[in-house]
């Protein structure tokens, strides 16, 4: 039977879900997840004030959301010290990535990223027919000089940089990021992903510069604010750059409930500070668990710790699978050089104790 053809771009793509979620692991293994510490979610959840705001708003979900995200944009602008015209709201950073690639990457255009960096960017580049260029990490950090050399040579439409970084948790200081921005070609758009900015130490995030048309900075309510399930993030940039989002975005994509939750979360900075402190404690606990098992934790500015398992990628994958078989959901980098590691998100104290109990057996299993 004949069927309507896919576009040439879609025909060349695989049928895939880029991430294996804990739900899929439970279906595949028949083992319930006891420690959900793989997706960099915040197990501390949203603030009680956010839950109260959502409860109050629940009867109104029969209404469409405000397609301009006006109140949330105004609140974000006040929080950031910029104008509402400098803020765009989207369905998490993943959704904003889709829009940014759509706006700046024509079929065949080059996009530059780090080999092993956050893979959703690559997924969108492939979906719009872009051409991906990569630079390997250097000592477990994104290689700024290598990226800059490639950007000057290739003049890509878009460069992606995550700071602090996922999947390694490492970071560059604000001054180094600022020098990188200054040296980029003016016709290249920089997507600076700051999803983990709230958990970073002081001096990592450069001051906001809304006068530069070739930089878009993205942040999210999914991590420290504890709203991963609501899918709400935002982009910050020069006014004309931000205005372009209206050409392609799903204007009803950020639900009424997500807008209410994000605005309430932004208004409860005491809860945010509490979560950031608990994340720092959790990072140290994960690092100690790693050291207790003869493994090397990589210093992290995020809500996870990446752990060098000391061998190759096959060994680290065996550790990951052995943990999954014991109800512990973690993830790992997959790029060569990084794939020797597993990545453990900060969980509740009782979840981290499960890791401490199960990791020794998982390591023995991986050794065979």
Protein backbone atom coordinates (compact mmCIF):
# COMPACT_ATOMS: atom_id res chain seq x y z
CA UNK A 1 0.00 0.00 0.00
CA UNK A 2 1.29 3.47 -0.88
CA UNK A 3 1.81 5.99 1.87
CA UNK A 4 2.50 9.74 1.94
CA UNK A 5 6.27 10.25 1.74
CA UNK A 6 8.30 11.82 4.50
CA UNK A 7 10.52 14.74 3.64
CA UNK A 8 14.05 13.81 2.53
CA UNK A 9 15.42 15.06 5.88
CA UNK A 10 12.96 13.00 7.92
CA UNK A 11 13.50 9.94 5.72
CA UNK A 12 17.21 9.95 6.56
CA UNK A 13 16.63 10.11 10.33
CA UNK A 14 16.27 7.13 12.66
CA UNK A 15 13.15 6.42 14.70
CA UNK A 16 14.57 7.13 18.13
CA UNK A 17 13.97 8.58 21.56
CA UNK A 18 17.32 10.19 22.47
CA UNK A 19 17.02 9.44 26.18
CA UNK A 20 16.31 6.16 27.95
CA UNK A 21 14.09 7.16 30.85
CA UNK A 22 13.74 5.37 34.18
CA UNK A 23 10.26 4.30 33.16
CA UNK A 24 11.66 2.49 30.13
CA UNK A 25 14.30 0.82 32.32
CA UNK A 26 11.58 -0.45 34.64
CA UNK A 27 9.64 -1.84 31.67
CA UNK A 28 12.74 -3.51 30.23
CA UNK A 29 14.13 -5.00 33.44
CA UNK A 30 11.03 -5.55 35.53
CA UNK A 31 12.95 -3.94 38.41
CA UNK A 32 11.46 -0.93 40.19
CA UNK A 33 13.64 2.17 40.38
CA UNK A 34 14.67 2.73 44.02
CA UNK A 35 17.02 5.65 43.38
CA UNK A 36 16.02 7.98 40.54
CA UNK A 37 19.34 9.79 40.18
CA UNK A 38 20.09 9.82 36.47
CA UNK A 39 18.19 12.68 34.84
CA UNK A 40 19.51 15.65 36.87
CA UNK A 41 16.06 16.34 38.27
CA UNK A 42 15.66 17.96 41.69
CA UNK A 43 14.25 15.43 44.15
CA UNK A 44 13.75 18.29 46.61
CA UNK A 45 10.84 19.41 44.45
CA UNK A 46 9.30 22.84 44.05
CA UNK A 47 8.76 25.18 46.96
CA UNK A 48 5.58 24.72 49.02
CA UNK A 49 4.58 28.19 47.80
CA UNK A 50 4.76 26.90 44.23
CA UNK A 51 2.57 23.90 45.00
CA UNK A 52 0.06 26.23 46.67
CA UNK A 53 0.01 28.50 43.61
CA UNK A 54 -0.52 25.51 41.33
CA UNK A 55 -3.32 24.22 43.54
CA UNK A 56 -5.04 27.61 43.40
CA UNK A 57 -4.63 27.78 39.61
CA UNK A 58 -5.83 24.22 38.92
CA UNK A 59 -9.52 25.11 38.43
CA UNK A 60 -8.50 27.54 35.68
CA UNK A 61 -6.77 25.01 33.44
CA UNK A 62 -9.79 24.97 31.16
CA UNK A 63 -8.41 28.27 29.85
CA UNK A 64 -5.63 28.51 27.28
CA UNK A 65 -2.42 30.01 28.56
CA UNK A 66 -1.38 33.58 27.82
CA UNK A 67 0.36 33.15 24.43
CA UNK A 68 2.66 36.08 25.22
CA UNK A 69 3.80 34.62 28.58
CA UNK A 70 3.53 38.23 29.68
CA UNK A 71 3.47 38.01 33.48
CA UNK A 72 6.27 35.46 33.56
CA UNK A 73 8.41 37.49 31.19
CA UNK A 74 7.91 40.61 33.29
CA UNK A 75 8.83 38.71 36.45
CA UNK A 76 11.91 37.23 34.80
CA UNK A 77 12.97 40.62 33.46
CA UNK A 78 12.74 42.14 36.94
CA UNK A 79 14.69 39.23 38.43
CA UNK A 80 17.41 39.49 35.78
CA UNK A 81 17.61 43.28 35.57
CA UNK A 82 16.71 43.41 31.87
CA UNK A 83 13.60 44.37 29.89
CA UNK A 84 10.72 42.00 29.08
CA UNK A 85 11.72 42.43 25.43
CA UNK A 86 14.98 40.64 26.29
CA UNK A 87 13.28 37.45 27.50
CA UNK A 88 11.58 34.62 25.59
CA UNK A 89 9.84 31.71 27.30
CA UNK A 90 9.72 28.18 25.91
CA UNK A 91 9.12 24.51 26.69
CA UNK A 92 12.33 24.04 28.62
CA UNK A 93 15.76 24.56 27.12
CA UNK A 94 15.15 21.57 24.84
CA UNK A 95 12.19 23.38 23.27
CA UNK A 96 14.15 26.61 22.98
CA UNK A 97 16.98 24.74 21.26
CA UNK A 98 14.52 23.59 18.63
CA UNK A 99 13.50 27.18 17.94
CA UNK A 100 17.06 28.50 17.88
CA UNK A 101 18.18 25.85 15.40
CA UNK A 102 15.11 26.52 13.28
CA UNK A 103 15.85 30.25 13.27
CA UNK A 104 19.57 30.09 12.47
CA UNK A 105 20.42 26.77 10.84
CA UNK A 106 19.46 26.33 7.20
CA UNK A 107 19.76 22.87 5.60
CA UNK A 108 23.45 22.15 5.13
CA UNK A 109 24.59 24.93 7.47
CA UNK A 110 27.31 24.10 10.00
CA UNK A 111 26.71 23.88 13.74
CA UNK A 112 29.66 23.60 16.10
CA UNK A 113 29.52 21.81 19.44
CA UNK A 114 31.69 19.68 21.71
CA UNK A 115 31.96 15.95 21.07
CA UNK A 116 29.85 14.44 23.85
CA UNK A 117 28.00 17.63 24.84
CA UNK A 118 24.26 17.67 25.56
CA UNK A 119 22.79 15.54 22.73
CA UNK A 120 19.43 17.25 22.27
CA UNK A 121 21.15 20.01 20.32
CA UNK A 122 22.47 17.40 17.87
CA UNK A 123 18.97 15.91 17.57
CA UNK A 124 17.51 19.25 16.49
CA UNK A 125 20.39 20.00 14.13
CA UNK A 126 19.77 16.68 12.36
CA UNK A 127 16.02 17.35 12.30
CA UNK A 128 16.50 20.62 10.42
CA UNK A 129 19.18 19.31 8.07
CA UNK A 130 22.15 21.05 9.63
CA UNK A 131 25.72 19.81 9.48
CA UNK A 132 27.29 19.00 12.84
CA UNK A 133 30.93 19.80 13.60
CA UNK A 134 32.50 18.70 16.87
CA UNK A 135 35.58 19.45 18.96
CA UNK A 136 36.69 16.91 21.60
CA UNK A 137 36.72 17.80 25.27
CA UNK A 138 40.10 18.59 26.82
CA UNK A 139 40.77 17.36 30.36
CA UNK A 140 37.02 16.80 30.86
CA UNK A 141 36.11 20.40 29.97
CA UNK A 142 34.73 21.84 26.78
CA UNK A 143 37.75 23.04 24.82
CA UNK A 144 37.24 26.80 24.41
CA UNK A 145 40.34 27.38 22.32
CA UNK A 146 39.52 24.42 20.09
CA UNK A 147 35.95 25.61 19.62
CA UNK A 148 37.13 29.11 18.84
CA UNK A 149 39.67 27.91 16.29
CA UNK A 150 36.97 25.83 14.59
CA UNK A 151 34.51 28.74 14.66
CA UNK A 152 36.99 31.07 13.00
CA UNK A 153 37.84 28.44 10.40
CA UNK A 154 34.35 27.13 9.62
CA UNK A 155 32.20 30.22 10.30
CA UNK A 156 29.30 28.07 11.57
CA UNK A 157 25.77 29.39 11.82
CA UNK A 158 25.59 28.33 15.47
CA UNK A 159 27.99 27.40 18.28
CA UNK A 160 26.74 25.55 21.35
CA UNK A 161 28.46 25.86 24.73
CA UNK A 162 27.13 24.61 28.07
CA UNK A 163 28.57 26.28 31.18
CA UNK A 164 28.54 24.65 33.73
CA UNK A 165 28.78 21.62 31.53
CA UNK A 166 26.58 18.57 31.05
CA UNK A 167 27.62 15.70 31.11
CA UNK A 168 30.91 16.36 32.94
CA UNK A 169 29.87 18.98 35.50
CA UNK A 170 32.97 21.08 34.84
CA UNK A 171 32.99 24.82 34.17
CA UNK A 172 34.84 27.86 32.90
CA UNK A 173 35.04 31.15 34.80
CA UNK A 174 33.03 34.10 33.54
CA UNK A 175 36.11 35.94 32.27
CA UNK A 176 37.04 33.01 30.01
CA UNK A 177 33.48 32.83 28.66
CA UNK A 178 33.50 36.57 28.02
CA UNK A 179 36.76 36.31 26.07
CA UNK A 180 35.28 33.46 24.04
CA UNK A 181 32.21 35.55 23.20
CA UNK A 182 34.33 38.56 22.19
CA UNK A 183 36.42 36.43 19.82
CA UNK A 184 33.54 34.72 18.00
CA UNK A 185 32.67 35.80 14.45
CA UNK A 186 29.82 38.32 14.60
CA UNK A 187 27.79 36.28 12.10
CA UNK A 188 27.89 33.16 14.31
CA UNK A 189 25.16 32.78 16.93
CA UNK A 190 26.32 31.47 20.30
CA UNK A 191 23.83 29.36 22.23
CA UNK A 192 25.15 29.58 25.81
CA UNK A 193 23.32 26.95 27.86
CA UNK A 194 23.25 27.92 31.55
CA UNK A 195 20.83 25.25 32.78
CA UNK A 196 23.00 24.68 35.85
CA UNK A 197 23.74 28.33 36.57
CA UNK A 198 21.97 28.37 39.92
CA UNK A 199 24.23 25.63 41.33
CA UNK A 200 27.46 27.16 40.02
CA UNK A 201 29.89 29.00 42.28
CA UNK A 202 30.16 32.78 42.11
CA UNK A 203 32.10 34.04 39.13
CA UNK A 204 30.94 31.44 36.61
CA UNK A 205 28.09 33.29 34.88
CA UNK A 206 29.17 36.42 32.96
CA UNK A 207 27.11 39.59 33.50
CA UNK A 208 24.16 39.80 31.12
CA UNK A 209 24.92 41.77 27.96
CA UNK A 210 21.70 42.41 26.07
CA UNK A 211 23.39 44.59 23.47
CA UNK A 212 25.12 41.73 21.65
CA UNK A 213 22.96 40.27 18.83
CA UNK A 214 24.93 37.02 18.41
CA UNK A 215 24.47 35.55 21.92
CA UNK A 216 21.41 33.74 23.29
CA UNK A 217 21.64 32.51 26.87
CA UNK A 218 19.20 29.83 28.02
CA UNK A 219 18.14 28.94 31.56
CA UNK A 220 15.51 26.67 33.04
CA UNK A 221 13.13 25.96 35.90
CA UNK A 222 13.83 22.23 35.52
CA UNK A 223 16.90 21.93 37.74
CA UNK A 224 17.31 23.93 40.96
CA UNK A 225 13.71 25.15 40.90
CA UNK A 226 12.40 21.57 40.84
CA UNK A 227 9.99 21.92 37.90
CA UNK A 228 11.39 19.49 35.32
CA UNK A 229 7.94 18.02 34.70
CA UNK A 230 6.44 21.42 33.84
CA UNK A 231 8.74 22.08 30.86
CA UNK A 232 9.50 25.77 31.23
CA UNK A 233 12.70 27.57 30.36
CA UNK A 234 13.72 30.96 29.05
CA UNK A 235 16.13 32.67 26.69
CA UNK A 236 17.88 36.00 27.31
CA UNK A 237 19.25 38.18 24.55
CA UNK A 238 19.21 41.36 22.51
CA UNK A 239 15.68 42.60 21.82
CA UNK A 240 15.58 41.94 18.05
CA UNK A 241 17.11 38.49 18.58
CA UNK A 242 14.44 37.65 21.15
CA UNK A 243 11.66 39.08 18.97
CA UNK A 244 12.53 36.56 16.26
CA UNK A 245 11.27 33.72 18.47
CA UNK A 246 7.72 34.92 17.76
CA UNK A 247 8.21 33.88 14.12
CA UNK A 248 8.52 30.17 14.91
CA UNK A 249 7.51 29.37 18.49
CA UNK A 250 4.46 27.42 19.60
CA UNK A 251 2.59 30.32 21.15
CA UNK A 252 0.49 28.04 23.36
CA UNK A 253 3.37 25.68 24.15
CA UNK A 254 4.01 26.77 27.75
CA UNK A 255 0.89 25.80 29.64
CA UNK A 256 -1.05 28.04 32.01
CA UNK A 257 0.05 25.83 34.91
CA UNK A 258 3.70 25.99 33.88
CA UNK A 259 3.59 29.78 33.74
CA UNK A 260 1.98 29.97 37.19
CA UNK A 261 4.48 27.52 38.66
CA UNK A 262 7.51 29.25 37.17
CA UNK A 263 6.43 32.68 38.34
CA UNK A 264 5.82 31.39 41.86
CA UNK A 265 9.18 29.59 41.87
CA UNK A 266 10.95 32.75 40.83
CA UNK A 267 9.34 34.54 43.75
CA UNK A 268 10.62 32.07 46.35
CA UNK A 269 14.37 32.59 46.34
CA UNK A 270 14.65 31.32 49.91
CA UNK A 271 13.63 27.86 48.69
CA UNK A 272 16.12 28.12 45.84
CA UNK A 273 18.95 28.94 48.25
CA UNK A 274 17.96 25.98 50.42
CA UNK A 275 18.02 23.64 47.43
CA UNK A 276 21.40 24.92 46.26
CA UNK A 277 22.85 24.21 49.72
CA UNK A 278 21.38 20.70 49.72
CA UNK A 279 22.77 20.11 46.24
CA UNK A 280 26.26 21.05 47.46
CA UNK A 281 25.91 18.57 50.33
CA UNK A 282 24.70 15.88 47.93
CA UNK A 283 27.62 16.45 45.57
CA UNK A 284 30.06 15.90 48.41
CA UNK A 285 28.25 12.73 49.48
CA UNK A 286 28.40 11.32 45.94
CA UNK A 287 32.09 12.22 45.71
CA UNK A 288 32.77 10.44 48.99
CA UNK A 289 30.90 7.33 47.83
CA UNK A 290 33.07 7.33 44.71
CA UNK A 291 36.27 7.70 46.71
CA UNK A 292 35.19 4.97 49.13
CA UNK A 293 35.04 2.63 46.13
CA UNK A 294 38.39 3.63 44.67
CA UNK A 295 36.86 5.83 41.96
CA UNK A 296 37.65 9.44 41.04
CA UNK A 297 34.86 12.05 41.23
CA UNK A 298 35.25 14.97 38.85
CA UNK A 299 34.72 18.37 40.53
CA UNK A 300 31.23 19.61 39.67
CA UNK A 301 29.34 22.91 39.58
CA UNK A 302 26.03 21.21 38.75
CA UNK A 303 23.44 19.05 40.51
CA UNK A 304 25.29 15.87 39.56
CA UNK A 305 28.76 14.36 39.88
CA UNK A 306 30.49 12.57 37.03
CA UNK A 307 32.65 9.70 38.24
CA UNK A 308 35.67 8.28 36.45
CA UNK A 309 35.28 4.49 36.66
CA UNK A 310 38.97 4.03 35.90
CA UNK A 311 38.74 1.88 32.79
CA UNK A 312 37.07 2.16 29.38
CA UNK A 313 33.57 2.82 28.11
CA UNK A 314 32.55 -0.82 28.12
CA UNK A 315 33.44 -1.10 31.79
CA UNK A 316 31.49 2.05 32.71
CA UNK A 317 28.48 0.80 30.72
CA UNK A 318 28.62 -2.48 32.63
CA UNK A 319 28.59 -0.51 35.89
CA UNK A 320 25.57 1.46 34.71
CA UNK A 321 23.67 -1.68 33.72
CA UNK A 322 24.55 -3.41 36.99
CA UNK A 323 23.20 -0.44 38.93
CA UNK A 324 20.01 -0.46 36.86
CA UNK A 325 19.52 -4.14 37.67
CA UNK A 326 19.65 -3.11 41.33
CA UNK A 327 17.07 -0.35 40.93
CA UNK A 328 19.53 2.53 40.66
CA UNK A 329 18.96 4.79 37.64
CA UNK A 330 22.06 6.70 36.51
CA UNK A 331 23.35 7.84 33.13
CA UNK A 332 26.75 8.18 31.50
CA UNK A 333 28.59 10.14 28.83
CA UNK A 334 28.88 8.22 25.56
CA UNK A 335 31.58 10.06 23.60
CA UNK A 336 35.07 8.53 23.36
CA UNK A 337 37.25 9.74 26.21
CA UNK A 338 34.25 10.69 28.34
CA UNK A 339 32.57 7.29 28.21
CA UNK A 340 34.83 5.92 30.97
CA UNK A 341 32.52 7.72 33.41
CA UNK A 342 29.07 7.42 34.93
CA UNK A 343 27.01 10.43 35.99
CA UNK A 344 25.06 10.44 39.26
CA UNK A 345 22.51 13.15 40.04
CA UNK A 346 22.11 14.52 43.53
CA UNK A 347 19.27 12.60 45.14
CA UNK A 348 17.59 12.47 48.50
CA UNK A 349 19.89 11.27 51.28
CA UNK A 350 18.17 7.88 51.36
CA UNK A 351 18.70 7.48 47.60
CA UNK A 352 22.39 8.19 47.94
CA UNK A 353 22.59 5.59 50.69
CA UNK A 354 21.16 3.08 48.22
CA UNK A 355 24.00 4.02 45.85
CA UNK A 356 26.52 3.50 48.64
CA UNK A 357 25.04 0.05 49.29
CA UNK A 358 24.78 -1.08 45.67
CA UNK A 359 27.85 0.41 43.99
CA UNK A 360 30.38 -2.11 45.37
CA UNK A 361 28.40 -5.05 43.96
CA UNK A 362 27.90 -3.26 40.65
CA UNK A 363 31.65 -2.70 40.37
CA UNK A 364 32.37 -6.34 41.12
CA UNK A 365 29.86 -7.39 38.45
CA UNK A 366 31.43 -5.03 35.88
CA UNK A 367 34.87 -6.53 36.49
CA UNK A 368 33.39 -9.98 35.87
